[in-house]
Protein backbone atom coordinates (compact mmCIF):
# COMPACT_ATOMS: atom_id res chain seq x y z
CA UNK A 1 94.36 88.83 24.93
CA UNK A 2 91.18 88.68 27.04
CA UNK A 3 88.26 90.46 25.30
CA UNK A 4 91.00 92.06 23.19
CA UNK A 5 92.79 93.30 26.30
CA UNK A 6 96.52 92.54 26.59
CA UNK A 7 97.58 89.72 28.90
CA UNK A 8 101.30 89.86 29.67
CA UNK A 9 103.13 86.72 30.77
CA UNK A 10 105.87 88.07 33.02
CA UNK A 11 107.53 84.65 32.87
CA UNK A 12 108.57 85.64 29.36
CA UNK A 13 111.01 88.19 30.79
CA UNK A 14 113.43 85.33 31.36
CA UNK A 15 115.36 83.99 28.41
CA UNK A 16 114.74 84.28 24.69
CA UNK A 17 111.23 85.78 24.95
CA UNK A 18 112.32 88.86 26.88
CA UNK A 19 112.45 91.22 23.87
CA UNK A 20 109.03 90.08 22.67
CA UNK A 21 107.57 90.35 26.18
CA UNK A 22 108.97 93.84 26.69
CA UNK A 23 107.49 94.94 23.35
CA UNK A 24 104.06 93.58 24.29
CA UNK A 25 104.34 95.21 27.71
CA UNK A 26 105.22 98.55 26.11
CA UNK A 27 102.21 98.32 23.79
CA UNK A 28 99.93 97.52 26.75
CA UNK A 29 101.21 100.50 28.75
CA UNK A 30 101.32 103.08 25.98
CA UNK A 31 98.34 102.08 23.82
CA UNK A 32 95.95 100.64 26.41
CA UNK A 33 96.80 101.86 29.92
CA UNK A 34 95.23 98.69 31.34
CA UNK A 35 96.10 95.01 31.02
CA UNK A 36 96.46 91.78 32.98
CA UNK A 37 99.65 90.04 34.09
CA UNK A 38 100.20 86.34 34.76
CA UNK A 39 103.19 84.55 36.30
CA UNK A 40 103.58 87.66 38.43
CA UNK A 41 105.07 86.00 41.53
CA UNK A 42 102.07 86.30 43.89
CA UNK A 43 100.80 82.80 44.75
CA UNK A 44 97.27 81.89 43.63
CA UNK A 45 96.55 80.59 47.13
CA UNK A 46 97.32 83.99 48.65
CA UNK A 47 95.17 85.81 46.08
CA UNK A 48 92.26 83.43 46.70
CA UNK A 49 92.64 83.85 50.46
CA UNK A 50 92.61 87.65 50.13
CA UNK A 51 89.37 87.56 48.15
CA UNK A 52 87.69 85.01 50.41
CA UNK A 53 88.50 86.88 53.61
CA UNK A 54 87.53 90.22 52.08
CA UNK A 55 84.10 88.82 51.20
CA UNK A 56 83.79 87.47 54.73
CA UNK A 57 84.75 90.77 56.37
CA UNK A 58 82.37 92.77 54.20
CA UNK A 59 79.43 90.46 54.80
CA UNK A 60 79.98 90.40 58.55
CA UNK A 61 80.82 94.05 59.24
CA UNK A 62 80.02 96.34 56.28
CA UNK A 63 76.91 94.79 54.74
CA UNK A 64 74.54 95.61 57.64
CA UNK A 65 75.60 99.26 57.64
CA UNK A 66 75.31 99.51 53.85
CA UNK A 67 71.76 98.14 53.90
CA UNK A 68 70.79 101.01 56.23
CA UNK A 69 72.83 103.62 54.35
CA UNK A 70 71.53 106.73 52.59
CA UNK A 71 72.47 105.40 49.16
CA UNK A 72 70.63 102.11 49.69
CA UNK A 73 67.45 103.92 50.80
CA UNK A 74 67.72 106.51 48.00
CA UNK A 75 68.06 103.91 45.26
CA UNK A 76 65.24 101.79 46.70
CA UNK A 77 62.91 104.80 46.54
CA UNK A 78 64.21 106.22 43.24
CA UNK A 79 62.21 106.42 40.01
CA UNK A 80 64.97 108.21 38.10
CA UNK A 81 68.71 108.18 37.76
CA UNK A 82 70.83 108.69 40.89
CA UNK A 83 73.83 110.52 39.47
CA UNK A 84 75.89 111.67 42.44
CA UNK A 85 76.24 108.44 44.42
CA UNK A 86 78.19 105.16 44.09
CA UNK A 87 76.72 101.73 44.85
CA UNK A 88 79.81 100.66 46.75
CA UNK A 89 80.99 99.81 50.25
CA UNK A 90 84.67 99.71 51.14
CA UNK A 91 87.47 100.08 53.67
CA UNK A 92 91.03 101.22 53.10
CA UNK A 93 94.36 99.96 54.46
CA UNK A 94 97.63 101.88 54.18
CA UNK A 95 100.80 99.80 53.67
CA UNK A 96 103.59 102.31 52.94
CA UNK A 97 105.36 104.13 54.40
CA UNK A 98 103.77 102.42 57.44
CA UNK A 99 100.87 99.99 57.81
CA UNK A 100 97.64 100.85 59.62
CA UNK A 101 95.97 97.48 58.97
CA UNK A 102 95.62 96.77 62.68
CA UNK A 103 93.36 99.82 63.01
CA UNK A 104 90.67 98.43 60.68
CA UNK A 105 87.58 97.94 62.87
CA UNK A 106 86.80 94.32 63.68
CA UNK A 107 89.52 92.95 61.41
CA UNK A 108 90.20 89.27 62.01
CA UNK A 109 93.67 87.96 62.82
CA UNK A 110 93.50 85.82 59.66
CA UNK A 111 92.71 88.76 57.38
CA UNK A 112 95.33 90.94 59.08
CA UNK A 113 98.02 88.33 58.55
CA UNK A 114 96.94 87.81 54.94
CA UNK A 115 97.09 91.55 54.21
CA UNK A 116 100.60 91.76 55.66
CA UNK A 117 101.69 88.80 53.53
CA UNK A 118 100.12 90.24 50.39
CA UNK A 119 101.32 93.82 50.73
CA UNK A 120 105.02 92.87 50.61
CA UNK A 121 104.59 90.95 47.37
CA UNK A 122 102.32 93.62 45.88
CA UNK A 123 104.94 96.30 46.53
CA UNK A 124 107.60 94.15 44.83
CA UNK A 125 105.35 93.59 41.81
CA UNK A 126 104.42 97.28 41.53
CA UNK A 127 108.08 98.33 41.61
CA UNK A 128 108.99 95.64 39.09
CA UNK A 129 106.31 96.90 36.69
CA UNK A 130 107.46 100.51 37.14
CA UNK A 131 111.03 99.48 36.35
CA UNK A 132 109.83 97.69 33.21
CA UNK A 133 108.00 100.85 32.14
CA UNK A 134 111.17 102.82 32.82
CA UNK A 135 113.32 100.36 30.89
CA UNK A 136 111.11 100.66 27.82
CA UNK A 137 111.39 104.44 28.04
CA UNK A 138 115.14 104.48 28.59
CA UNK A 139 114.94 105.57 32.24
CA UNK A 140 117.45 104.31 34.78
CA UNK A 141 116.37 101.47 37.07
CA UNK A 142 114.48 102.79 40.08
CA UNK A 143 113.82 106.21 38.49
CA UNK A 144 110.02 106.16 38.93
CA UNK A 145 110.20 104.89 42.51
CA UNK A 146 112.64 107.69 43.31
CA UNK A 147 110.35 110.23 41.61
CA UNK A 148 107.47 109.00 43.79
CA UNK A 149 109.45 108.90 47.02
CA UNK A 150 109.55 112.37 48.58
CA UNK A 151 110.94 112.41 52.12
CA UNK A 152 109.32 109.20 53.35
CA UNK A 153 109.23 106.97 50.28
CA UNK A 154 106.27 106.09 48.04
CA UNK A 155 102.74 105.67 49.38
CA UNK A 156 100.93 102.36 48.96
CA UNK A 157 97.49 101.38 50.15
CA UNK A 158 94.63 99.04 49.28
CA UNK A 159 90.94 99.75 48.81
CA UNK A 160 88.87 96.68 49.72
CA UNK A 161 85.58 97.31 47.88
CA UNK A 162 82.41 95.33 47.42
CA UNK A 163 79.62 96.20 45.02
CA UNK A 164 76.49 94.61 46.51
CA UNK A 165 73.58 93.25 44.52
CA UNK A 166 71.53 96.25 43.40
CA UNK A 167 67.72 96.21 43.10
CA UNK A 168 67.77 98.92 40.39
CA UNK A 169 71.10 98.67 38.56
CA UNK A 170 69.85 100.84 35.70
CA UNK A 171 69.47 103.81 38.06
CA UNK A 172 72.89 103.95 39.74
CA UNK A 173 76.55 103.29 38.93
CA UNK A 174 78.67 101.02 41.10
CA UNK A 175 81.50 103.55 40.76
CA UNK A 176 81.29 106.63 38.55
CA UNK A 177 83.61 107.22 35.60
CA UNK A 178 87.04 108.47 36.68
CA UNK A 179 90.78 108.11 36.22
CA UNK A 180 93.00 107.09 39.13
CA UNK A 181 95.02 109.93 40.63
CA UNK A 182 98.21 108.07 41.47
CA UNK A 183 100.84 105.80 39.95
CA UNK A 184 100.21 102.13 39.20
CA UNK A 185 97.27 100.07 40.44
CA UNK A 186 97.05 96.30 41.02
CA UNK A 187 93.52 94.86 41.17
CA UNK A 188 92.31 91.50 42.43
CA UNK A 189 88.72 90.71 41.48
CA UNK A 190 86.31 87.82 41.30
CA UNK A 191 84.24 86.60 38.37
CA UNK A 192 81.30 88.97 38.93
CA UNK A 193 81.26 91.45 36.00
CA UNK A 194 81.06 95.21 36.25
CA UNK A 195 84.50 96.79 35.79
CA UNK A 196 84.85 98.60 32.45
CA UNK A 197 87.66 100.64 30.91
CA UNK A 198 87.42 103.07 28.02
CA UNK A 199 89.36 102.14 24.88
CA UNK A 200 88.89 104.84 22.30
CA UNK A 201 85.12 105.36 22.20
CA UNK A 202 84.27 101.87 23.49
CA UNK A 203 83.83 100.47 26.98
CA UNK A 204 85.80 97.24 27.46
CA UNK A 205 84.62 94.70 30.04
CA UNK A 206 87.43 93.47 32.27
CA UNK A 207 87.14 89.68 32.32
CA UNK A 208 89.64 88.13 34.76
CA UNK A 209 92.01 85.49 33.40
CA UNK A 210 92.98 82.53 35.61
CA UNK A 211 95.91 83.47 37.83
CA UNK A 212 95.89 87.03 36.53
CA UNK A 213 96.17 90.40 38.27
CA UNK A 214 94.64 93.41 36.56
CA UNK A 215 96.89 96.47 36.16
CA UNK A 216 96.09 100.05 35.26
CA UNK A 217 98.08 103.27 35.28
CA UNK A 218 97.23 106.57 36.98
CA UNK A 219 97.53 110.30 36.41
CA UNK A 220 100.95 110.74 38.01
CA UNK A 221 102.54 108.04 35.87
CA UNK A 222 101.19 109.86 32.82
CA UNK A 223 102.96 113.02 33.99
CA UNK A 224 106.28 111.32 34.84
CA UNK A 225 106.35 109.57 31.45
CA UNK A 226 105.48 112.81 29.64
CA UNK A 227 102.26 111.30 28.32
CA UNK A 228 103.80 108.09 26.95
CA UNK A 229 101.79 106.08 29.53
CA UNK A 230 98.27 107.38 30.06
CA UNK A 231 95.65 107.05 32.78
CA UNK A 232 92.40 105.72 31.33
CA UNK A 233 88.81 106.44 32.35
CA UNK A 234 86.97 103.54 33.95
CA UNK A 235 83.80 102.72 35.88
CA UNK A 236 81.98 99.94 37.68
CA UNK A 237 78.47 99.02 36.61
CA UNK A 238 75.98 98.01 39.31
CA UNK A 239 74.63 94.48 38.96
CA UNK A 240 71.31 93.01 40.06
CA UNK A 241 73.09 89.74 40.78
CA UNK A 242 76.13 91.40 42.30
CA UNK A 243 78.46 91.00 45.21
CA UNK A 244 81.55 91.86 43.17
CA UNK A 245 84.82 92.15 45.11
CA UNK A 246 87.60 94.52 44.07
CA UNK A 247 90.90 94.68 45.97
CA UNK A 248 92.77 97.61 44.42
CA UNK A 249 96.31 98.35 45.59
CA UNK A 250 97.57 101.83 44.74
CA UNK A 251 101.32 102.47 44.47
CA UNK A 252 101.41 106.28 44.51
CA UNK A 253 103.76 109.19 45.10
CA UNK A 254 104.20 110.36 48.67
CA UNK A 255 102.21 113.48 49.53
CA UNK A 256 105.35 115.66 49.35
CA UNK A 257 106.76 114.19 46.13
CA UNK A 258 107.38 116.79 43.43
CA UNK A 259 105.98 115.37 40.20
CA UNK A 260 107.09 116.30 36.70
CA UNK A 261 108.14 114.65 33.43
CA UNK A 262 111.41 112.72 33.45
CA UNK A 263 113.84 115.22 31.85
CA UNK A 264 115.10 112.87 29.15
CA UNK A 265 111.52 112.20 27.99
CA UNK A 266 110.73 115.86 27.39
CA UNK A 267 111.33 117.30 23.93
CA UNK A 268 114.06 119.96 23.93
CA UNK A 269 113.59 123.67 23.20
CA UNK A 270 115.77 125.00 20.37
CA UNK A 271 116.01 127.26 17.37
CA UNK A 272 114.90 125.53 14.21
CA UNK A 273 118.11 126.50 12.43
CA UNK A 274 120.10 124.58 15.07
CA UNK A 275 117.99 121.49 14.43
CA UNK A 276 118.46 121.78 10.72
CA UNK A 277 122.25 121.80 11.13
CA UNK A 278 121.98 118.38 12.78
CA UNK A 279 119.31 117.20 10.35
CA UNK A 280 121.53 118.01 7.37
CA UNK A 281 123.86 115.17 8.22
CA UNK A 282 121.32 112.73 9.69
CA UNK A 283 118.25 113.02 7.44
CA UNK A 284 118.20 109.31 6.66
CA UNK A 285 118.89 108.15 10.23
CA UNK A 286 116.51 107.75 13.19
CA UNK A 287 115.14 111.03 14.51
CA UNK A 288 115.54 110.32 18.27
CA UNK A 289 119.33 110.97 18.32
CA UNK A 290 118.65 114.37 16.79
CA UNK A 291 116.44 115.33 19.74
CA UNK A 292 119.14 114.10 22.12
CA UNK A 293 121.66 116.24 20.26
CA UNK A 294 119.39 119.25 20.72
CA UNK A 295 119.42 118.71 24.48
CA UNK A 296 123.21 118.43 24.62
CA UNK A 297 123.93 120.76 21.75
CA UNK A 298 127.09 122.75 21.29
CA UNK A 299 126.87 122.84 17.53
CA UNK A 300 129.31 124.73 15.33
CA UNK A 301 127.89 127.66 13.42
CA UNK A 302 127.99 125.93 10.07
CA UNK A 303 125.93 126.99 7.03
CA UNK A 304 122.61 125.27 6.49
CA UNK A 305 122.24 122.93 3.57
CA UNK A 306 119.18 124.14 1.69
CA UNK A 307 118.67 120.69 0.15
CA UNK A 308 118.08 118.76 3.35
CA UNK A 309 114.32 119.20 3.25
């Protein structure tokens, strides 16, 4: 745990710790909706290079424009809260179904090559995590990817954001409270604080762990899992001593994907008397097989046992 937040060692999926790791992963997905993973298969050197080059690109090409932007001028002149703006500057790169990284204005060859190297491994990790979610829910391997695919396959893209130092951090939010619209999100960040997620009624600060990648789940994953995995509200606080980097990769459904709960995760519709016929002989067994029986029912019209209650 980091600040109480789950940290999942994916190395534990191999060997004797797999059952324990899967249980901890399930708890993180279903009871938190945000967590960090280590031993995830993306080299530390590549992660550090991504962050370093993102800082460099922002400072060279986005910082001058941000300093002259409407939000910068409004906050500098403000005496009260600025509620409808975000203290953020960013650019976006699409990876799937096709990359547009080469179209980013003024992108360096080094950053372009790093993005291409990272995006392949990020896609593999996202799909691995989705399969682990599916496994814990009893879904077939690849189910969520298929649900996200539509005609052209899933969408994946990365938001390269920087939250500059803010002269009046009490008057503006780095990024307003929201949930993410899509599937599963992988976030690289530095040690500058600011990212917070809501756990119950409390805001939890996301403190990076060494070698970790932060993960959170979006609205569409909540729908596909019939609410078992939930998207969680989060925000970024502006900082006077800022310069926080966030590299958030979104693995989302394609625009034409038809989204709905996985059928075997949805409770069946039935007459109560039909359920009670099954319950009569299984009262002291697990309840889940009874729900399965209701989905596949062809029950004989036997009398109800009035004592099963």
